[in-house]
N, C-alpha and C. Protein backbone atom coordinates (compact mmCIF):
# COMPACT_ATOMS: atom_id res chain seq x y z
N UNK A 1 0.69 -1.09 -0.26
CA UNK A 1 -0.05 -0.42 0.40
C UNK A 1 0.64 1.10 -0.02
N UNK A 2 0.89 2.75 -0.52
CA UNK A 2 0.99 3.30 -0.78
C UNK A 2 1.03 4.77 0.55
N UNK A 3 1.96 5.34 0.94
CA UNK A 3 1.53 6.30 1.63
C UNK A 3 1.74 7.55 0.95
N UNK A 4 1.90 8.49 1.61
CA UNK A 4 0.93 9.55 0.93
C UNK A 4 1.27 10.22 -0.42
N UNK A 5 2.64 10.13 -0.70
CA UNK A 5 2.80 10.61 -1.94
C UNK A 5 3.44 9.42 -2.58
N UNK A 6 3.22 8.51 -2.74
CA UNK A 6 3.84 7.30 -3.66
C UNK A 6 2.14 7.08 -4.08
N UNK A 7 2.65 6.58 -5.82
CA UNK A 7 1.36 6.40 -6.59
C UNK A 7 1.74 4.73 -6.55
N UNK A 8 0.28 4.62 -6.18
CA UNK A 8 -0.44 2.93 -6.03
C UNK A 8 -1.93 3.51 -6.26
N UNK A 9 -2.48 2.17 -6.04
CA UNK A 9 -3.85 2.09 -6.38
C UNK A 9 -4.15 2.28 -4.93
N UNK A 10 -3.66 2.03 -3.72
CA UNK A 10 -4.63 2.55 -2.56
C UNK A 10 -2.96 3.05 -1.59
N UNK A 11 -4.03 4.97 -1.02
CA UNK A 11 -2.95 5.78 -0.26
C UNK A 11 -3.89 5.36 1.28
N UNK A 12 -3.03 5.48 2.12
CA UNK A 12 -3.54 5.50 3.46
C UNK A 12 -2.57 7.08 4.20
N UNK A 13 -3.78 7.94 3.98
CA UNK A 13 -3.62 9.28 4.69
C UNK A 13 -3.92 9.18 5.91
N UNK A 14 -2.52 9.32 7.55
CA UNK A 14 -3.09 9.08 8.33
C UNK A 14 -3.40 10.95 8.85
N UNK A 15 -4.46 10.51 9.54
CA UNK A 15 -4.89 11.79 9.98
C UNK A 15 -5.26 12.13 11.88
N UNK A 16 -4.23 11.43 12.50
CA UNK A 16 -3.97 11.27 13.83
C UNK A 16 -5.44 11.17 14.37
N UNK A 17 -4.68 10.70 15.58
CA UNK A 17 -5.89 10.01 16.78
C UNK A 17 -6.58 8.89 16.58
N UNK A 18 -5.89 8.05 15.74
CA UNK A 18 -6.14 6.85 15.25
C UNK A 18 -6.78 7.12 14.17
N UNK A 19 -6.85 7.69 12.95
CA UNK A 19 -7.74 7.97 11.99
C UNK A 19 -7.23 8.40 10.89
N UNK A 20 -7.85 7.69 10.30
CA UNK A 20 -7.27 7.79 8.76
C UNK A 20 -8.13 7.42 7.43
N UNK A 21 -7.69 8.27 6.51
CA UNK A 21 -8.30 8.35 5.47
C UNK A 21 -8.04 7.10 3.96
N UNK A 22 -8.50 6.14 3.97
CA UNK A 22 -8.15 5.64 2.85
C UNK A 22 -8.30 5.80 1.38
N UNK A 23 -7.44 6.07 0.43
CA UNK A 23 -8.11 6.25 -0.99
C UNK A 23 -7.68 5.87 -1.74
N UNK A 24 -8.87 4.86 -3.13
CA UNK A 24 -8.61 4.05 -3.87
C UNK A 24 -9.06 4.48 -5.30
N UNK A 25 -8.40 4.28 -6.01
CA UNK A 25 -8.50 4.32 -7.53
C UNK A 25 -8.58 3.53 -8.67
N UNK A 26 -9.31 2.76 -9.38
CA UNK A 26 -8.91 2.09 -10.39
C UNK A 26 -9.78 2.69 -11.88
N UNK A 27 -8.72 2.04 -12.59
CA UNK A 27 -9.79 2.24 -14.23
C UNK A 27 -10.34 0.81 -14.44
N UNK A 28 -11.29 0.63 -15.18
CA UNK A 28 -11.85 -0.32 -15.56
C UNK A 28 -12.42 -0.30 -17.35
N UNK A 29 -12.15 -0.77 -18.26
CA UNK A 29 -12.39 -0.73 -19.46
C UNK A 29 -13.84 -1.44 -19.47
N UNK A 30 -14.88 -0.46 -19.10
CA UNK A 30 -16.45 -0.71 -19.32
C UNK A 30 -16.90 0.57 -19.32
N UNK A 31 -18.13 0.51 -19.76
CA UNK A 31 -19.14 1.84 -19.35
C UNK A 31 -19.65 2.16 -17.67
N UNK A 32 -19.38 3.17 -17.38
CA UNK A 32 -19.83 3.20 -15.95
C UNK A 32 -21.08 2.97 -15.36
N UNK A 33 -22.06 2.75 -16.42
CA UNK A 33 -23.23 2.44 -16.21
C UNK A 33 -23.03 0.09 -15.41
N UNK A 34 -22.08 -0.07 -16.01
CA UNK A 34 -22.20 -1.84 -15.83
C UNK A 34 -21.15 -1.57 -14.19
N UNK A 35 -20.53 -0.58 -13.86
CA UNK A 35 -19.79 -0.60 -12.90
C UNK A 35 -21.02 0.06 -11.70
N UNK A 36 -21.59 0.69 -12.05
CA UNK A 36 -23.23 1.35 -11.00
C UNK A 36 -24.17 -0.04 -11.02
N UNK A 37 -24.19 -0.88 -11.98
CA UNK A 37 -25.05 -1.83 -11.82
C UNK A 37 -24.54 -2.88 -10.82
N UNK A 38 -22.93 -3.27 -10.60
CA UNK A 38 -22.59 -4.40 -9.43
C UNK A 38 -22.52 -3.20 -7.82
N UNK A 39 -22.83 -2.22 -7.89
CA UNK A 39 -23.14 -1.20 -7.14
C UNK A 39 -24.14 -1.22 -6.32
N UNK A 40 -24.82 -1.63 -7.07
CA UNK A 40 -26.84 -1.47 -7.13
C UNK A 40 -26.92 -2.87 -6.12
N UNK A 41 -26.25 -3.76 -7.19
CA UNK A 41 -26.41 -4.87 -6.26
C UNK A 41 -25.34 -5.74 -5.20
N UNK A 42 -25.75 -5.10 -4.11
CA UNK A 42 -24.62 -4.83 -3.08
C UNK A 42 -24.42 -6.40 -2.38
N UNK A 43 -24.83 -7.32 -2.45
CA UNK A 43 -24.64 -8.90 -1.94
C UNK A 43 -23.34 -8.90 -3.44
N UNK A 44 -23.85 -8.64 -4.57
CA UNK A 44 -23.04 -9.38 -6.08
C UNK A 44 -21.38 -8.42 -5.26
N UNK A 45 -21.57 -7.21 -5.16
CA UNK A 45 -20.63 -6.22 -5.08
C UNK A 45 -19.70 -6.35 -3.57
N UNK A 46 -20.10 -7.05 -2.88
CA UNK A 46 -19.12 -8.03 -1.35
C UNK A 46 -18.65 -9.55 -2.29
N UNK A 47 -19.67 -9.79 -2.77
CA UNK A 47 -18.63 -11.34 -3.47
C UNK A 47 -18.05 -11.26 -4.24
N UNK A 48 -18.03 -9.97 -5.08
CA UNK A 48 -16.85 -9.57 -6.06
C UNK A 48 -15.82 -9.50 -5.91
N UNK A 49 -16.25 -8.45 -4.90
CA UNK A 49 -14.91 -7.09 -4.20
C UNK A 49 -14.21 -7.77 -3.21
N UNK A 50 -14.75 -9.12 -2.78
CA UNK A 50 -14.05 -9.85 -0.92
C UNK A 50 -14.34 -11.75 -1.55
N UNK A 51 -14.23 -11.88 -2.71
CA UNK A 51 -14.02 -13.20 -3.10
C UNK A 51 -13.50 -14.21 -2.09
N UNK A 52 -14.22 -15.25 -1.38
CA UNK A 52 -14.05 -16.03 -0.70
C UNK A 52 -13.78 -15.60 0.87
N UNK A 53 -13.79 -14.19 0.94
CA UNK A 53 -14.06 -13.84 2.36
C UNK A 53 -15.41 -13.46 2.98
N UNK A 54 -16.49 -13.65 1.96
CA UNK A 54 -17.49 -12.98 2.81
C UNK A 54 -18.38 -13.96 3.19
N UNK A 55 -19.60 -14.07 4.36
CA UNK A 55 -20.86 -14.96 4.14
C UNK A 55 -22.16 -14.74 4.17
N UNK A 56 -22.99 -15.43 5.00
CA UNK A 56 -24.10 -14.96 5.08
C UNK A 56 -24.79 -13.34 4.87
N UNK A 57 -24.75 -12.90 3.59
CA UNK A 57 -25.11 -11.34 3.24
C UNK A 57 -26.56 -11.52 3.11
N UNK A 58 -26.90 -10.42 4.11
CA UNK A 58 -28.82 -10.33 4.08
C UNK A 58 -28.91 -8.90 4.22
N UNK A 59 -30.30 -8.24 3.90
CA UNK A 59 -30.59 -7.20 4.08
C UNK A 59 -31.51 -7.14 5.60
N UNK A 60 -31.12 -6.22 6.02
CA UNK A 60 -31.86 -5.88 7.47
C UNK A 60 -33.38 -5.04 6.92
N UNK A 61 -33.32 -3.89 6.12
CA UNK A 61 -33.79 -3.33 5.44
C UNK A 61 -33.30 -2.65 4.45
N UNK A 62 -34.82 -2.66 3.76
CA UNK A 62 -34.63 -2.00 2.50
C UNK A 62 -34.05 -2.72 1.30
N UNK A 63 -33.00 -2.32 0.47
CA UNK A 63 -32.74 -3.38 -0.42
C UNK A 63 -31.55 -2.58 -1.51
N UNK A 64 -31.64 -3.89 -2.74
CA UNK A 64 -30.51 -3.45 -3.77
C UNK A 64 -31.65 -1.55 -4.02
N UNK A 65 -30.75 -1.42 -4.71
CA UNK A 65 -31.25 0.31 -5.27
C UNK A 65 -31.94 1.12 -4.45
N UNK A 66 -31.67 1.14 -3.22
CA UNK A 66 -32.97 1.79 -2.04
C UNK A 66 -31.70 2.20 -0.94
N UNK A 67 -31.80 3.71 -0.85
CA UNK A 67 -31.25 4.09 0.15
C UNK A 67 -32.73 5.15 0.97
N UNK A 68 -32.39 5.05 2.32
CA UNK A 68 -31.48 3.90 3.07
C UNK A 68 -31.40 2.55 2.97
N UNK A 69 -30.64 1.83 3.01
CA UNK A 69 -31.31 0.38 3.40
C UNK A 69 -29.54 -0.32 4.69
N UNK A 70 -29.99 -1.19 5.35
CA UNK A 70 -28.99 -1.96 5.99
C UNK A 70 -28.97 -3.21 5.27
N UNK A 71 -27.67 -3.81 5.86
CA UNK A 71 -27.48 -5.31 5.05
C UNK A 71 -26.23 -5.47 6.38
N UNK A 72 -26.21 -6.93 6.51
CA UNK A 72 -25.15 -7.29 7.08
C UNK A 72 -24.49 -8.35 6.29
N UNK A 73 -23.18 -9.29 7.07
CA UNK A 73 -22.62 -10.16 6.01
C UNK A 73 -21.23 -10.25 7.33
N UNK A 74 -20.78 -11.58 7.21
CA UNK A 74 -19.68 -11.78 8.03
C UNK A 74 -18.34 -12.11 7.08
N UNK A 75 -17.19 -11.45 7.96
CA UNK A 75 -15.94 -11.82 7.53
C UNK A 75 -15.06 -12.47 8.59
N UNK A 76 -14.30 -13.52 8.14
CA UNK A 76 -13.54 -13.67 8.76
C UNK A 76 -14.65 -14.45 10.21
N UNK A 77 -15.80 -14.41 9.92
CA UNK A 77 -16.66 -15.09 11.56
C UNK A 77 -17.03 -13.51 12.21
N UNK A 78 -16.48 -12.73 11.90
CA UNK A 78 -17.40 -11.80 12.86
C UNK A 78 -18.30 -11.10 11.48
N UNK A 79 -19.34 -10.58 12.23
CA UNK A 79 -20.75 -9.70 11.50
C UNK A 79 -20.09 -8.53 11.12
N UNK A 80 -20.28 -8.11 10.11
CA UNK A 80 -20.41 -6.53 9.94
C UNK A 80 -21.66 -5.92 9.29
N UNK A 81 -22.36 -4.58 10.22
CA UNK A 81 -23.85 -4.28 10.06
C UNK A 81 -23.06 -3.33 9.63
N UNK A 82 -23.99 -2.53 8.13
CA UNK A 82 -23.54 -1.78 7.57
C UNK A 82 -24.59 -0.77 6.86
N UNK A 83 -24.83 0.12 6.39
CA UNK A 83 -26.03 1.12 5.90
C UNK A 83 -25.61 2.03 4.91
N UNK A 84 -26.14 1.75 3.53
CA UNK A 84 -26.55 2.75 2.25
C UNK A 84 -26.81 3.91 2.68
N UNK A 85 -26.60 4.71 3.05
CA UNK A 85 -27.08 6.11 2.83
C UNK A 85 -27.50 7.14 1.69
N UNK A 86 -26.30 6.78 0.94
CA UNK A 86 -26.41 7.75 -0.50
C UNK A 86 -26.62 7.06 -1.67
N UNK A 87 -27.48 6.57 -2.31
CA UNK A 87 -27.27 6.57 -3.71
C UNK A 87 -27.36 7.27 -5.09
N UNK A 88 -27.06 7.85 -5.94
CA UNK A 88 -26.88 8.79 -6.68
C UNK A 88 -26.69 8.53 -8.07
N UNK A 89 -27.48 8.73 -8.75
CA UNK A 89 -26.87 8.65 -10.38
C UNK A 89 -27.25 9.54 -11.34
N UNK A 90 -26.25 10.08 -12.34
CA UNK A 90 -26.59 11.14 -13.09
C UNK A 90 -26.08 10.65 -14.52
N UNK A 91 -27.34 9.40 -15.16
CA UNK A 91 -27.08 8.46 -15.52
C UNK A 91 -26.62 9.27 -17.22
N UNK A 92 -27.10 10.65 -17.69
CA UNK A 92 -26.56 11.32 -18.72
C UNK A 92 -25.35 12.12 -18.71
N UNK A 93 -24.60 12.49 -17.57
CA UNK A 93 -23.24 12.55 -17.26
C UNK A 93 -22.68 11.58 -17.26
N UNK A 94 -23.18 9.83 -16.79
CA UNK A 94 -21.82 9.11 -16.55
C UNK A 94 -21.53 8.87 -14.85
N UNK A 95 -22.06 9.57 -14.11
CA UNK A 95 -21.61 9.88 -12.77
C UNK A 95 -22.53 9.25 -11.85
N UNK A 96 -22.00 8.58 -10.93
CA UNK A 96 -23.17 7.74 -10.13
C UNK A 96 -22.26 7.48 -8.39
N UNK A 97 -22.41 7.91 -7.43
CA UNK A 97 -22.11 7.88 -5.81
C UNK A 97 -22.99 7.16 -5.18
N UNK A 98 -22.15 6.17 -4.33
CA UNK A 98 -22.68 5.34 -3.42
C UNK A 98 -22.30 5.87 -2.25
N UNK A 99 -22.66 5.91 -0.93
CA UNK A 99 -22.07 6.59 0.23
C UNK A 99 -23.27 5.21 1.15
N UNK A 100 -22.05 4.73 2.08
CA UNK A 100 -22.12 3.70 3.28
C UNK A 100 -21.40 3.91 4.50
N UNK A 101 -22.04 3.43 5.59
CA UNK A 101 -21.46 3.48 6.37
C UNK A 101 -21.57 2.26 7.54
N UNK A 102 -20.36 1.77 8.38
CA UNK A 102 -20.51 0.97 9.30
C UNK A 102 -21.66 1.18 10.67
N UNK A 103 -22.45 0.43 11.31
CA UNK A 103 -23.31 0.82 12.64
C UNK A 103 -22.94 0.48 13.69
N UNK A 104 -22.23 -0.74 13.30
CA UNK A 104 -21.51 -1.07 14.85
C UNK A 104 -19.68 -1.08 14.34
N UNK A 105 -18.65 -1.02 15.76
CA UNK A 105 -17.28 -1.61 15.67
C UNK A 105 -16.98 -2.72 15.12
N UNK A 106 -16.41 -3.45 14.57
CA UNK A 106 -16.50 -4.75 14.04
C UNK A 106 -14.56 -4.80 13.75
N UNK A 107 -13.74 -5.74 14.02
CA UNK A 107 -12.78 -6.06 13.27
C UNK A 107 -11.69 -5.03 14.02
N UNK A 108 -11.80 -4.25 14.57
CA UNK A 108 -10.71 -3.03 14.96
C UNK A 108 -11.52 -1.85 14.34
N UNK A 109 -12.18 -1.45 13.95
CA UNK A 109 -12.58 -0.34 13.49
C UNK A 109 -14.24 -0.07 13.78
N UNK A 110 -13.27 1.11 14.43
CA UNK A 110 -15.13 2.21 15.77
C UNK A 110 -15.82 2.27 14.82
N UNK A 111 -15.51 2.73 13.37
CA UNK A 111 -16.01 4.22 12.59
C UNK A 111 -15.74 3.88 11.21
N UNK A 112 -16.56 4.18 10.47
CA UNK A 112 -15.98 3.32 8.69
C UNK A 112 -17.09 4.14 7.94
N UNK A 113 -16.93 5.40 7.44
CA UNK A 113 -17.46 5.92 6.28
C UNK A 113 -17.08 5.87 5.49
N UNK A 114 -17.77 5.53 3.94
CA UNK A 114 -17.23 5.63 2.70
C UNK A 114 -18.39 6.21 1.44
N UNK A 115 -17.07 6.51 0.78
CA UNK A 115 -17.84 7.41 -0.55
C UNK A 115 -17.31 6.58 -1.97
N UNK A 116 -18.12 6.14 -2.84
CA UNK A 116 -17.53 5.34 -3.80
C UNK A 116 -18.07 6.34 -4.86
N UNK A 117 -16.98 6.77 -5.65
CA UNK A 117 -17.34 7.67 -7.04
C UNK A 117 -17.16 7.58 -8.26
N UNK A 118 -18.39 7.11 -9.40
CA UNK A 118 -17.73 6.08 -10.63
C UNK A 118 -18.32 7.57 -11.76
N UNK A 119 -17.53 7.36 -12.53
CA UNK A 119 -17.22 8.61 -13.72
C UNK A 119 -16.16 7.85 -14.79
N UNK A 120 -17.00 8.76 -16.35
CA UNK A 120 -16.01 8.12 -17.19
C UNK A 120 -15.48 9.54 -17.77
N UNK A 121 -14.23 9.30 -17.56
CA UNK A 121 -13.54 10.39 -17.88
C UNK A 121 -12.87 10.93 -19.50
N UNK A 122 -13.48 9.56 -20.14
CA UNK A 122 -13.47 9.78 -21.54
C UNK A 122 -14.56 8.93 -22.43
N UNK A 123 -14.87 8.31 -21.70
CA UNK A 123 -16.54 7.91 -22.38
C UNK A 123 -16.56 6.55 -22.52
N UNK A 124 -15.24 6.04 -23.01
CA UNK A 124 -14.91 4.72 -22.91
C UNK A 124 -14.14 3.83 -21.93
N UNK A 125 -13.62 4.73 -21.15
CA UNK A 125 -13.18 3.79 -19.53
C UNK A 125 -14.34 4.24 -18.12
N UNK A 126 -14.07 3.55 -17.15
CA UNK A 126 -14.59 4.20 -16.20
C UNK A 126 -13.64 3.84 -15.07
N UNK A 127 -13.47 5.20 -14.03
CA UNK A 127 -12.84 5.48 -12.87
C UNK A 127 -13.92 5.00 -11.95
N UNK A 128 -13.66 3.94 -10.33
CA UNK A 128 -14.01 3.96 -9.35
C UNK A 128 -12.88 4.66 -8.66
N UNK A 129 -13.49 5.90 -7.95
CA UNK A 129 -12.54 6.16 -6.94
C UNK A 129 -13.90 6.66 -5.44
N UNK A 130 -12.42 5.90 -4.51
CA UNK A 130 -13.07 5.44 -3.16
C UNK A 130 -12.69 6.15 -2.28
N UNK A 131 -13.25 6.68 -1.50
CA UNK A 131 -12.27 7.21 0.12
C UNK A 131 -13.43 6.97 0.94
N UNK A 132 -12.61 6.05 1.87
CA UNK A 132 -13.36 5.93 3.22
C UNK A 132 -12.29 6.25 4.69
N UNK A 133 -12.85 6.69 5.47
CA UNK A 133 -12.89 7.75 6.37
C UNK A 133 -12.88 6.79 7.48
N UNK A 134 -11.69 6.22 8.26
CA UNK A 134 -11.79 5.46 9.28
C UNK A 134 -11.50 6.09 10.63
N UNK A 135 -11.74 5.14 12.17
CA UNK A 135 -11.41 5.34 13.27
C UNK A 135 -11.14 4.22 13.65
N UNK A 136 -9.45 3.62 14.42
CA UNK A 136 -9.74 2.69 14.12
C UNK A 136 -8.95 2.37 15.82
N UNK A 137 -9.30 1.41 16.40
CA UNK A 137 -8.83 0.79 18.30
C UNK A 137 -7.31 1.35 17.99
N UNK A 138 -7.45 2.03 19.48
CA UNK A 138 -5.77 2.57 19.67
C UNK A 138 -4.56 1.45 19.36
N UNK A 139 -3.62 2.49 18.92
CA UNK A 139 -2.65 1.22 18.51
C UNK A 139 -2.73 0.45 16.96
N UNK A 140 -4.12 0.30 16.92
CA UNK A 140 -4.55 -0.53 15.39
C UNK A 140 -3.91 0.00 14.24
N UNK A 141 -2.64 -0.67 13.59
CA UNK A 141 -2.32 -0.06 12.25
C UNK A 141 -3.93 -0.58 10.85
N UNK A 142 -3.49 0.27 10.56
CA UNK A 142 -4.67 0.49 9.37
C UNK A 142 -3.93 -0.63 8.13
N UNK A 143 -2.75 -1.44 8.08
CA UNK A 143 -2.82 -1.72 7.07
C UNK A 143 -3.26 -3.25 6.58
N UNK A 144 -3.91 -4.02 7.48
CA UNK A 144 -5.04 -5.23 6.93
C UNK A 144 -6.30 -4.59 6.49
N UNK A 145 -6.91 -3.27 6.92
CA UNK A 145 -8.07 -2.41 6.53
C UNK A 145 -7.86 -1.98 4.58
N UNK A 146 -6.55 -1.26 5.00
CA UNK A 146 -5.90 -0.94 3.16
C UNK A 146 -5.33 -2.46 2.26
N UNK A 147 -5.38 -3.44 3.04
CA UNK A 147 -5.31 -4.51 2.27
C UNK A 147 -5.85 -5.18 1.17
N UNK A 148 -7.14 -5.31 2.22
CA UNK A 148 -8.82 -5.40 1.98
C UNK A 148 -8.95 -4.57 0.91
N UNK A 149 -9.11 -3.31 0.68
CA UNK A 149 -9.46 -2.19 0.04
C UNK A 149 -8.71 -2.48 -1.52
N UNK A 150 -7.46 -2.39 -1.13
CA UNK A 150 -6.59 -3.24 -2.12
C UNK A 150 -6.82 -4.10 -3.44
N UNK A 151 -6.87 -5.14 -2.56
CA UNK A 151 -7.40 -6.42 -2.63
C UNK A 151 -8.98 -6.65 -3.45
N UNK A 152 -9.60 -5.40 -2.63
CA UNK A 152 -11.07 -5.78 -3.69
C UNK A 152 -11.01 -4.64 -4.49
N UNK A 153 -9.92 -3.79 -4.87
CA UNK A 153 -9.92 -3.13 -6.04
C UNK A 153 -9.28 -3.94 -7.76
N UNK A 154 -8.40 -4.98 -6.72
CA UNK A 154 -7.87 -5.57 -8.24
C UNK A 154 -8.66 -6.73 -8.29
N UNK A 155 -9.95 -7.33 -7.32
CA UNK A 155 -10.88 -7.93 -7.53
C UNK A 155 -11.69 -7.63 -8.40
N UNK A 156 -11.93 -6.28 -8.07
CA UNK A 156 -13.21 -5.54 -9.33
C UNK A 156 -12.23 -5.32 -10.34
N UNK A 157 -11.00 -5.44 -10.89
CA UNK A 157 -10.30 -5.15 -12.12
C UNK A 157 -10.55 -6.33 -12.60
N UNK A 158 -10.15 -7.39 -11.88
CA UNK A 158 -10.42 -8.75 -12.80
C UNK A 158 -11.67 -9.41 -13.46
N UNK A 159 -13.18 -8.52 -12.23
CA UNK A 159 -14.40 -9.01 -12.78
C UNK A 159 -14.37 -8.10 -14.16
N UNK A 160 -14.37 -7.21 -14.05
CA UNK A 160 -14.57 -6.43 -15.45
C UNK A 160 -13.99 -6.44 -16.51
N UNK A 161 -12.74 -6.98 -16.33
CA UNK A 161 -11.68 -7.46 -17.20
C UNK A 161 -12.33 -8.55 -18.07
N UNK A 162 -12.84 -9.65 -17.19
CA UNK A 162 -13.16 -11.26 -17.42
C UNK A 162 -14.43 -10.61 -17.94
N UNK A 163 -15.66 -9.90 -18.03
CA UNK A 163 -16.86 -9.75 -18.12
C UNK A 163 -16.98 -8.82 -19.90
N UNK A 164 -15.77 -8.26 -19.81
CA UNK A 164 -15.37 -7.53 -21.32
C UNK A 164 -15.27 -8.16 -22.25
């Protein structure tokens, strides 16, 4: 994982007091609508982004394409409870946004708020930019979480390369 001034897919910024901003960007050779369709199917998005790491996904309230929607799934035997609280689509401009957050602490993460932005800079490729603001338990390094996010981006890249 890159730190602030390195150029890699995932960058961790230390904000102090066990707070971090984890930024990740990936480019796909597909239309932004294809990425948006995956983001709107959160159960599938979790399975594609974290292959073999998740189980027992279920909607608690709401559902696909609804905001707000609450869901939970297991990672490493721990249930993560999260909420999608914004879904924004400007299909004409090819810009899309999902915002979601953790509802309860889990796996050393006390607070988690994420923004996923999808856009097409040139009309033929799509860029997914993600920003996660997190607060971790005291003394917890962000490396495991950043590694999961980096793996998620690589899995998404592979998914869209295979579907194209």
